[in-house]
C-alpha atoms as a PDB file:
ATOM      1  CA  MET A   1       7.022 -21.763  -5.818  1.00  0.00           C
ATOM      2  CA  LYS A   2      10.531 -20.075  -5.959  1.00  0.00           C
ATOM      3  CA  MET A   3      10.858 -16.994  -7.870  1.00  0.00           C
ATOM      4  CA  ASN A   4      13.308 -18.365 -10.130  1.00  0.00           C
ATOM      5  CA  GLN A   5      10.916 -21.330 -10.991  1.00  0.00           C
ATOM      6  CA  ALA A   6       8.022 -19.064 -11.918  1.00  0.00           C
ATOM      7  CA  ARG A   7       7.570 -18.070 -15.464  1.00  0.00           C
ATOM      8  CA  PRO A   8       7.438 -14.273 -15.824  1.00  0.00           C
ATOM      9  CA  ARG A   9       4.297 -12.791 -17.341  1.00  0.00           C
ATOM     10  CA  ILE A  10       3.493  -9.423 -18.377  1.00  0.00           C
ATOM     11  CA  ASP A  11       2.025  -7.910 -15.290  1.00  0.00           C
ATOM     12  CA  LEU A  12       0.830  -4.283 -15.558  1.00  0.00           C
ATOM     13  CA  ASP A  13      -1.066  -4.233 -12.087  1.00  0.00           C
ATOM     14  CA  GLY A  14       0.174  -1.272 -10.252  1.00  0.00           C
ATOM     15  CA  VAL A  15       1.531   0.899 -13.226  1.00  0.00           C
ATOM     16  CA  ALA A  16       0.840   4.543 -12.411  1.00  0.00           C
ATOM     17  CA  LEU A  17      -0.688   6.283 -15.368  1.00  0.00           C
ATOM     18  CA  PHE A  18      -0.290  10.012 -15.942  1.00  0.00           C
ATOM     19  CA  ASP A  19      -1.595  12.663 -18.229  1.00  0.00           C
ATOM     20  CA  PRO A  20       1.513  13.322 -20.600  1.00  0.00           C
ATOM     21  CA  ASP A  21       0.633  16.993 -20.165  1.00  0.00           C
ATOM     22  CA  ASN A  22       0.652  16.861 -16.333  1.00  0.00           C
ATOM     23  CA  PRO A  23       3.164  14.097 -15.367  1.00  0.00           C
ATOM     24  CA  HIS A  24       3.275  15.068 -11.659  1.00  0.00           C
ATOM     25  CA  MET A  25      -0.275  13.786 -10.843  1.00  0.00           C
ATOM     26  CA  VAL A  26      -1.372  10.094 -11.069  1.00  0.00           C
ATOM     27  CA  VAL A  27      -4.731   9.951 -12.729  1.00  0.00           C
ATOM     28  CA  ALA A  28      -5.299   6.214 -12.559  1.00  0.00           C
ATOM     29  CA  ILE A  29      -3.432   2.973 -11.685  1.00  0.00           C
ATOM     30  CA  PHE A  30      -3.414   0.122 -14.254  1.00  0.00           C
ATOM     31  CA  ARG A  31      -5.125  -3.053 -12.553  1.00  0.00           C
ATOM     32  CA  TYR A  32      -6.022  -5.704 -15.326  1.00  0.00           C
ATOM     33  CA  ARG A  33      -7.102  -6.286 -18.903  1.00  0.00           C
ATOM     34  CA  THR A  34     -10.373  -8.042 -19.095  1.00  0.00           C
ATOM     35  CA  THR A  35     -12.585  -9.292 -21.766  1.00  0.00           C
ATOM     36  CA  GLU A  36     -14.802  -6.356 -21.078  1.00  0.00           C
ATOM     37  CA  GLY A  37     -12.261  -3.502 -20.941  1.00  0.00           C
ATOM     38  CA  LEU A  38      -9.525  -2.196 -18.834  1.00  0.00           C
ATOM     39  CA  LEU A  39      -9.842  -2.251 -15.090  1.00  0.00           C
ATOM     40  CA  LEU A  40      -8.361   0.924 -13.533  1.00  0.00           C
ATOM     41  CA  LEU A  41      -7.849   2.096  -9.923  1.00  0.00           C
ATOM     42  CA  ILE A  42      -8.758   5.682  -9.347  1.00  0.00           C
ATOM     43  CA  PRO A  43      -6.567   6.972  -6.489  1.00  0.00           C
ATOM     44  CA  GLU A  44      -8.564   7.448  -3.319  1.00  0.00           C
ATOM     45  CA  SER A  45     -11.482   5.906  -4.945  1.00  0.00           C
ATOM     46  CA  ALA A  46     -12.283   2.497  -6.241  1.00  0.00           C
ATOM     47  CA  ASP A  47     -11.776   0.248  -9.209  1.00  0.00           C
ATOM     48  CA  LEU A  48     -13.389   1.295 -12.503  1.00  0.00           C
ATOM     49  CA  LEU A  49     -13.979  -0.753 -15.702  1.00  0.00           C
ATOM     50  CA  VAL A  50     -13.419   1.263 -18.789  1.00  0.00           C
ATOM     51  CA  PRO A  51     -15.188  -0.666 -21.686  1.00  0.00           C
ATOM     52  CA  TRP A  52     -13.328  -1.426 -24.780  1.00  0.00           C
ATOM     53  CA  THR A  53     -15.880   0.707 -26.692  1.00  0.00           C
ATOM     54  CA  GLU A  54     -14.553   3.806 -25.032  1.00  0.00           C
ATOM     55  CA  ILE A  55     -10.806   2.991 -25.723  1.00  0.00           C
ATOM     56  CA  GLU A  56      -9.313   4.277 -28.987  1.00  0.00           C
ATOM     57  CA  LYS A  57      -6.025   2.873 -28.737  1.00  0.00           C
ATOM     58  CA  THR A  58      -3.593   1.088 -26.297  1.00  0.00           C
ATOM     59  CA  VAL A  59       0.048   0.487 -26.569  1.00  0.00           C
ATOM     60  CA  LEU A  60       2.605  -1.603 -24.559  1.00  0.00           C
ATOM     61  CA  ASP A  61       6.091  -1.015 -25.834  1.00  0.00           C
ATOM     62  CA  LEU A  62       8.010  -4.145 -24.649  1.00  0.00           C
ATOM     63  CA  ARG A  63      11.497  -2.394 -25.238  1.00  0.00           C
ATOM     64  CA  SER A  64      10.728   0.748 -23.354  1.00  0.00           C
ATOM     65  CA  GLY A  65       8.097  -0.484 -20.972  1.00  0.00           C
ATOM     66  CA  LEU A  66       5.738   2.449 -21.932  1.00  0.00           C
ATOM     67  CA  VAL A  67       2.027   1.722 -21.264  1.00  0.00           C
ATOM     68  CA  HIS A  68      -0.217   4.202 -23.291  1.00  0.00           C
ATOM     69  CA  VAL A  69      -3.968   4.414 -23.332  1.00  0.00           C
ATOM     70  CA  ARG A  70      -6.017   6.796 -25.411  1.00  0.00           C
ATOM     71  CA  PHE A  71      -9.754   7.262 -24.736  1.00  0.00           C
ATOM     72  CA  ARG A  72     -12.715   8.168 -27.049  1.00  0.00           C
ATOM     73  CA  GLU A  73     -13.219  12.078 -26.836  1.00  0.00           C
ATOM     74  CA  GLY A  74     -17.004  11.582 -25.748  1.00  0.00           C
ATOM     75  CA  TYR A  75     -15.903   9.303 -22.882  1.00  0.00           C
ATOM     76  CA  VAL A  76     -13.399  11.975 -21.683  1.00  0.00           C
ATOM     77  CA  ALA A  77     -16.089  14.642 -21.788  1.00  0.00           C
ATOM     78  CA  ALA A  78     -18.285  12.553 -19.653  1.00  0.00           C
ATOM     79  CA  GLN A  79     -15.756  11.303 -16.982  1.00  0.00           C
ATOM     80  CA  ASN A  80     -14.621  13.844 -14.379  1.00  0.00           C
ATOM     81  CA  TRP A  81     -11.967  11.505 -13.043  1.00  0.00           C
ATOM     82  CA  LEU A  82     -10.015  11.914 -16.294  1.00  0.00           C
ATOM     83  CA  ARG A  83      -9.624  15.669 -15.552  1.00  0.00           C
ATOM     84  CA  GLY A  84      -9.912  16.321 -19.390  1.00  0.00           C
ATOM     85  CA  ALA A  85      -6.802  13.990 -20.185  1.00  0.00           C
ATOM     86  CA  ARG A  86      -7.638  11.907 -23.361  1.00  0.00           C
ATOM     87  CA  GLU A  87      -4.429   9.968 -23.060  1.00  0.00           C
ATOM     88  CA  LEU A  88      -2.784   8.322 -20.050  1.00  0.00           C
ATOM     89  CA  SER A  89       0.753   6.883 -19.893  1.00  0.00           C
ATOM     90  CA  GLY A  90       2.992   5.038 -17.489  1.00  0.00           C
ATOM     91  CA  THR A  91       6.028   2.930 -17.453  1.00  0.00           C
ATOM     92  CA  TRP A  92       5.914  -0.872 -16.766  1.00  0.00           C
ATOM     93  CA  THR A  93       8.808  -2.371 -14.627  1.00  0.00           C
ATOM     94  CA  ASP A  94       9.413  -6.172 -14.480  1.00  0.00           C
ATOM     95  CA  ARG A  95       9.233  -7.626 -11.097  1.00  0.00           C
ATOM     96  CA  VAL A  96      11.698 -10.402 -12.223  1.00  0.00           C
ATOM     97  CA  THR A  97      15.004  -9.628 -13.739  1.00  0.00           C
ATOM     98  CA  LEU A  98      15.782 -12.457 -16.313  1.00  0.00           C
ATOM     99  CA  ALA A  99      18.775 -13.093 -18.282  1.00  0.00           C
ATOM    100  CA  ARG A 100      18.568 -14.968 -21.556  1.00  0.00           C
ATOM    101  CA  THR A 101      20.249 -17.851 -20.100  1.00  0.00           C
ATOM    102  CA  GLU A 102      17.507 -18.138 -17.601  1.00  0.00           C
ATOM    103  CA  ALA A 103      14.640 -18.026 -20.027  1.00  0.00           C
ATOM    104  CA  LYS A 104      13.279 -21.621 -20.484  1.00  0.00           C
ATOM    105  CA  PRO A 105      10.440 -22.684 -22.556  1.00  0.00           C
END
């Protein structure tokens, strides 16, 4: 299928997530949203499923592209890979640039 024929979807796979207090180090890479929770890639490690019960809040701001995840305090204390970060943020970028005239139902 040609790229201009494909309907764009919100694709967060590959969004680098940082601790807002330490924006110089990627803590996780967003992979997928599943029915069980968020699948994240831990750099130099493996995919990790974070159950929805361990997530307090998620935000996807369609205007700015901000992706934000806040974890439960108890989960953060038990997970070394988070390095104490309770919140992770990143910026989503579209893979397809779409003008209004190209947007077809």
